[in-house]
């Protein structure tokens, strides 16, 4: 696995692995840390060995698995299938210590399904907080339409994950979940909101949709079972991508030391999200 480092205020805050191995299948960010050095991502945890830090992961692209692990099959449940695709790094358009622009090919069975343009940028916010700005565009390279799905669209209620996903580290107690107007995992999960926050032991992550389309996507939130947050491309219905069409999403994540309250989290989001 080949890696690139991301820095903020002279400190390394992220490592991006961009040439995936056969078992990984996709590039990912890990470790990501606060400015004080506290890790805020987890890689291949025992509860879900296909969780890879922060990444773009989709369990169903035209029937192919770009998430890892088993595939949820309607009326059958999680099933081991030979249907895994790979996100192949094609090259850099730009790369330096505070970000990069990357081209990727989403491939399965020797065919390119999607071409991705990915941009990652690091921004300092304060002495104790910084932001990771990640945008991606997915273009259907085929001559016919394809659709993106999730376990929820395939018959598993509440499991609408797929798209941007961040696996946080598991601690002795579950992290606190809150949003701009709600508190708790049940109140935030499966709903659209400007931002959601996950506050663990000595760290807080605030995830904000940075475009109208992204803010309209429901959040996938887990805290009790494991700590993770995602922005769902296909929460309850399949997302159809016509031939030649492009899907664009952008999520900005505030990475902070300590436990932020709602007002401070909101203030950080307002600094980095202007759209």
Protein backbone atom coordinates (compact mmCIF):
# COMPACT_ATOMS: atom_id res chain seq x y z
CA UNK A 1 0.00 0.00 0.00
CA UNK A 2 1.42 3.39 -1.05
CA UNK A 3 0.59 6.37 1.15
CA UNK A 4 0.46 10.18 1.14
CA UNK A 5 0.62 12.34 4.27
CA UNK A 6 -1.62 15.29 5.13
CA UNK A 7 -0.45 18.10 7.43
CA UNK A 8 -1.99 20.99 9.34
CA UNK A 9 -0.09 23.62 11.35
CA UNK A 10 3.13 21.71 10.75
CA UNK A 11 1.76 18.46 12.16
CA UNK A 12 0.85 15.29 10.31
CA UNK A 13 -2.89 14.73 10.78
CA UNK A 14 -3.67 12.06 8.20
CA UNK A 15 -2.27 9.26 6.10
CA UNK A 16 -3.95 8.37 2.81
CA UNK A 17 -3.40 4.87 1.41
CA UNK A 18 -4.13 5.10 -2.30
CA UNK A 19 -3.00 1.88 -3.99
CA UNK A 20 -5.33 -0.64 -2.40
CA UNK A 21 -4.40 -4.25 -1.81
CA UNK A 22 -6.72 -7.03 -2.94
CA UNK A 23 -8.29 -7.26 0.52
CA UNK A 24 -8.80 -3.49 0.88
CA UNK A 25 -10.36 -2.70 -2.48
CA UNK A 26 -10.34 1.08 -2.04
CA UNK A 27 -8.16 4.01 -0.92
CA UNK A 28 -8.74 5.27 2.61
CA UNK A 29 -7.58 7.71 5.27
CA UNK A 30 -6.04 6.18 8.40
CA UNK A 31 -4.82 7.19 10.82
CA UNK A 32 -6.48 10.58 11.07
CA UNK A 33 -5.66 12.47 14.27
CA UNK A 34 -6.53 15.63 16.15
CA UNK A 35 -3.91 18.37 16.36
CA UNK A 36 -2.87 16.93 19.73
CA UNK A 37 -2.31 13.54 18.09
CA UNK A 38 -5.40 11.67 19.27
CA UNK A 39 -6.50 9.05 16.70
CA UNK A 40 -10.05 9.52 15.38
CA UNK A 41 -10.20 6.68 12.82
CA UNK A 42 -10.00 2.92 13.06
CA UNK A 43 -8.79 0.40 10.47
CA UNK A 44 -10.07 -3.18 10.13
CA UNK A 45 -11.63 -3.42 13.63
CA UNK A 46 -12.64 -6.86 14.83
CA UNK A 47 -16.35 -6.08 14.66
CA UNK A 48 -16.20 -5.01 10.97
CA UNK A 49 -12.88 -5.88 9.34
CA UNK A 50 -13.88 -4.12 6.11
CA UNK A 51 -14.16 -0.73 7.85
CA UNK A 52 -11.18 1.31 6.67
CA UNK A 53 -10.84 4.66 8.44
CA UNK A 54 -12.47 7.38 6.31
CA UNK A 55 -13.31 6.43 2.74
CA UNK A 56 -15.86 6.39 -0.05
CA UNK A 57 -17.47 2.97 0.13
CA UNK A 58 -20.63 1.70 -1.57
CA UNK A 59 -22.09 -1.80 -1.00
CA UNK A 60 -24.04 -1.95 -4.27
CA UNK A 61 -23.03 -0.40 -7.59
CA UNK A 62 -25.01 -2.22 -10.27
CA UNK A 63 -24.83 -5.31 -8.07
CA UNK A 64 -21.10 -5.05 -7.33
CA UNK A 65 -19.75 -4.59 -3.80
CA UNK A 66 -17.39 -1.63 -3.25
CA UNK A 67 -17.84 -1.74 0.54
CA UNK A 68 -16.24 -5.04 1.47
CA UNK A 69 -17.50 -7.97 3.46
CA UNK A 70 -20.70 -9.82 2.66
CA UNK A 71 -23.47 -8.57 0.37
CA UNK A 72 -27.02 -8.25 1.67
CA UNK A 73 -29.29 -10.27 -0.63
CA UNK A 74 -33.06 -9.75 -0.47
CA UNK A 75 -34.88 -12.64 1.26
CA UNK A 76 -31.53 -14.26 2.00
CA UNK A 77 -29.54 -11.86 4.19
CA UNK A 78 -25.76 -11.25 4.31
CA UNK A 79 -24.14 -13.54 1.76
CA UNK A 80 -20.58 -14.18 0.64
CA UNK A 81 -20.49 -13.37 -3.09
CA UNK A 82 -17.74 -13.12 -5.68
CA UNK A 83 -18.87 -9.60 -6.60
CA UNK A 84 -16.26 -7.27 -5.11
CA UNK A 85 -15.06 -4.31 -7.14
CA UNK A 86 -11.97 -2.15 -6.72
CA UNK A 87 -11.32 1.60 -6.74
CA UNK A 88 -8.14 1.91 -8.77
CA UNK A 89 -5.90 4.97 -8.41
CA UNK A 90 -5.23 6.47 -11.85
CA UNK A 91 -3.12 9.45 -10.87
CA UNK A 92 -2.85 12.84 -9.22
CA UNK A 93 -4.02 16.13 -10.67
CA UNK A 94 -2.54 17.90 -7.63
CA UNK A 95 -0.80 16.69 -4.49
CA UNK A 96 0.83 18.55 -1.60
CA UNK A 97 0.94 18.41 2.19
CA UNK A 98 -2.46 19.99 2.71
CA UNK A 99 -4.46 18.07 0.12
CA UNK A 100 -4.75 16.44 -3.26
CA UNK A 101 -6.88 15.97 -6.36
CA UNK A 102 -7.07 12.35 -7.53
CA UNK A 103 -8.58 10.41 -10.42
CA UNK A 104 -9.90 6.89 -9.76
CA UNK A 105 -11.60 4.13 -11.70
CA UNK A 106 -14.30 1.97 -10.10
CA UNK A 107 -13.89 -1.41 -11.77
CA UNK A 108 -15.54 -4.84 -11.52
CA UNK A 109 -15.18 -7.91 -13.73
CA UNK A 110 -12.74 -6.02 -15.92
CA UNK A 111 -15.19 -3.20 -16.67
CA UNK A 112 -15.04 0.43 -15.56
CA UNK A 113 -18.38 1.32 -14.02
CA UNK A 114 -17.58 4.77 -12.64
CA UNK A 115 -14.83 7.34 -13.05
CA UNK A 116 -14.21 9.35 -9.88
CA UNK A 117 -12.70 12.79 -9.37
CA UNK A 118 -11.78 13.12 -5.67
CA UNK A 119 -10.57 16.24 -3.87
CA UNK A 120 -9.28 16.34 -0.29
CA UNK A 121 -8.17 19.54 1.46
CA UNK A 122 -7.00 20.30 5.00
CA UNK A 123 -7.87 23.61 6.69
CA UNK A 124 -6.84 24.85 10.14
CA UNK A 125 -9.64 26.25 12.31
CA UNK A 126 -8.04 26.92 15.70
CA UNK A 127 -5.29 25.67 17.99
CA UNK A 128 -7.44 22.63 18.75
CA UNK A 129 -9.43 22.00 15.57
CA UNK A 130 -8.97 21.49 11.85
CA UNK A 131 -11.22 20.44 8.96
CA UNK A 132 -11.00 17.74 6.30
CA UNK A 133 -12.87 18.78 3.15
CA UNK A 134 -13.65 15.78 0.92
CA UNK A 135 -15.57 15.98 -2.33
CA UNK A 136 -16.14 13.31 -4.94
CA UNK A 137 -17.82 13.09 -8.32
CA UNK A 138 -18.86 9.76 -9.82
CA UNK A 139 -19.46 9.60 -13.58
CA UNK A 140 -21.17 6.66 -15.25
CA UNK A 141 -18.73 5.59 -17.97
CA UNK A 142 -21.09 3.09 -19.56
CA UNK A 143 -23.58 3.43 -22.41
CA UNK A 144 -26.57 2.55 -20.24
CA UNK A 145 -27.76 3.70 -16.84
CA UNK A 146 -26.70 2.06 -13.60
CA UNK A 147 -27.99 2.33 -10.06
CA UNK A 148 -26.45 2.59 -6.62
CA UNK A 149 -28.08 0.74 -3.74
CA UNK A 150 -27.65 -0.22 -0.10
CA UNK A 151 -28.69 -3.07 2.19
CA UNK A 152 -31.78 -0.96 2.97
CA UNK A 153 -32.84 -0.82 -0.68
CA UNK A 154 -32.23 -4.57 -0.84
CA UNK A 155 -34.50 -5.33 2.11
CA UNK A 156 -32.66 -4.53 5.36
CA UNK A 157 -34.43 -1.60 7.09
CA UNK A 158 -32.23 1.08 8.65
CA UNK A 159 -29.07 -0.04 6.84
CA UNK A 160 -28.95 2.63 4.15
CA UNK A 161 -25.19 3.07 4.27
CA UNK A 162 -22.98 3.78 1.28
CA UNK A 163 -21.04 6.84 0.14
CA UNK A 164 -18.80 8.84 2.47
CA UNK A 165 -18.15 6.76 5.61
CA UNK A 166 -15.98 7.41 8.67
CA UNK A 167 -15.19 4.65 11.14
CA UNK A 168 -14.18 6.16 14.49
CA UNK A 169 -12.24 4.35 17.24
CA UNK A 170 -14.16 2.26 19.74
CA UNK A 171 -13.61 3.25 23.37
CA UNK A 172 -14.76 1.95 26.76
CA UNK A 173 -18.01 3.90 26.39
CA UNK A 174 -20.05 4.81 23.33
CA UNK A 175 -19.45 8.30 21.95
CA UNK A 176 -22.12 10.96 22.33
CA UNK A 177 -24.16 11.79 19.22
CA UNK A 178 -25.81 15.13 18.59
CA UNK A 179 -26.87 17.36 15.74
CA UNK A 180 -27.85 20.95 15.20
CA UNK A 181 -31.30 20.28 16.64
CA UNK A 182 -31.27 16.73 18.01
CA UNK A 183 -29.52 14.50 20.54
CA UNK A 184 -28.81 10.79 20.44
CA UNK A 185 -28.24 8.10 17.83
CA UNK A 186 -31.92 7.35 17.24
CA UNK A 187 -32.81 11.02 16.77
CA UNK A 188 -30.05 11.63 14.21
CA UNK A 189 -29.76 8.34 12.28
CA UNK A 190 -31.62 8.14 8.98
CA UNK A 191 -32.44 11.83 8.86
CA UNK A 192 -31.14 14.70 6.77
CA UNK A 193 -29.45 17.51 8.72
CA UNK A 194 -26.88 20.24 8.12
CA UNK A 195 -24.43 18.43 10.41
CA UNK A 196 -24.03 15.66 12.97
CA UNK A 197 -21.37 15.24 15.66
CA UNK A 198 -19.72 12.29 17.35
CA UNK A 199 -17.90 13.05 20.63
CA UNK A 200 -15.63 10.39 22.08
CA UNK A 201 -12.91 10.23 24.71
CA UNK A 202 -10.90 13.42 24.13
CA UNK A 203 -12.13 14.12 20.61
CA UNK A 204 -15.10 15.40 18.62
CA UNK A 205 -15.93 14.89 14.95
CA UNK A 206 -18.48 17.14 13.26
CA UNK A 207 -19.69 15.99 9.83
CA UNK A 208 -21.29 18.63 7.61
CA UNK A 209 -22.88 18.38 4.20
CA UNK A 210 -21.25 21.11 2.14
CA UNK A 211 -23.67 21.14 -0.82
CA UNK A 212 -27.45 21.15 -0.99
CA UNK A 213 -27.48 17.66 -2.52
CA UNK A 214 -25.27 16.32 0.28
CA UNK A 215 -27.41 17.94 2.98
CA UNK A 216 -30.46 16.23 1.48
CA UNK A 217 -28.87 12.79 1.96
CA UNK A 218 -29.77 11.17 5.29
CA UNK A 219 -27.01 10.48 7.78
CA UNK A 220 -26.11 6.91 8.70
CA UNK A 221 -25.09 6.99 12.37
CA UNK A 222 -23.86 4.28 14.72
CA UNK A 223 -22.67 4.80 18.29
CA UNK A 224 -23.83 1.97 20.54
CA UNK A 225 -22.83 -0.98 18.31
CA UNK A 226 -19.73 0.75 16.96
CA UNK A 227 -18.80 4.41 16.28
CA UNK A 228 -19.29 5.44 12.67
CA UNK A 229 -20.95 8.13 10.55
CA UNK A 230 -21.77 8.15 6.86
CA UNK A 231 -23.65 10.22 4.32
CA UNK A 232 -26.08 7.92 2.49
CA UNK A 233 -26.36 7.99 -1.29
CA UNK A 234 -29.17 5.42 -1.31
CA UNK A 235 -30.79 5.43 2.12
CA UNK A 236 -34.21 4.11 1.12
CA UNK A 237 -34.31 4.04 -2.69
CA UNK A 238 -31.78 3.28 -5.39
CA UNK A 239 -29.90 6.21 -6.92
CA UNK A 240 -30.06 5.96 -10.72
CA UNK A 241 -27.09 7.38 -12.64
CA UNK A 242 -27.79 7.78 -16.36
CA UNK A 243 -25.10 7.02 -18.95
CA UNK A 244 -22.61 9.89 -18.89
CA UNK A 245 -24.23 11.49 -15.83
CA UNK A 246 -22.31 12.54 -12.72
CA UNK A 247 -23.17 12.38 -9.00
CA UNK A 248 -21.35 14.95 -6.84
CA UNK A 249 -21.15 15.06 -3.05
CA UNK A 250 -19.05 17.01 -0.53
CA UNK A 251 -18.60 16.41 3.20
CA UNK A 252 -16.49 18.59 5.50
CA UNK A 253 -15.41 16.98 8.78
CA UNK A 254 -14.27 19.08 11.74
CA UNK A 255 -11.66 17.20 13.78
CA UNK A 256 -11.34 18.68 17.27
CA UNK A 257 -9.58 17.94 20.53
CA UNK A 258 -11.83 17.70 23.56
CA UNK A 259 -15.62 17.66 23.72
CA UNK A 260 -17.38 20.37 21.74
CA UNK A 261 -20.77 21.72 22.71
CA UNK A 262 -23.47 22.36 20.11
CA UNK A 263 -22.72 26.08 19.70
CA UNK A 264 -18.99 25.52 19.18
CA UNK A 265 -19.61 22.70 16.71
CA UNK A 266 -22.01 24.89 14.77
CA UNK A 267 -19.54 27.79 14.75
CA UNK A 268 -16.83 25.57 13.27
CA UNK A 269 -19.22 24.35 10.58
CA UNK A 270 -20.11 27.92 9.64
CA UNK A 271 -16.42 28.67 9.11
CA UNK A 272 -15.95 25.90 6.56
CA UNK A 273 -19.33 25.50 4.86
CA UNK A 274 -20.54 28.50 2.89
CA UNK A 275 -22.61 26.86 0.12
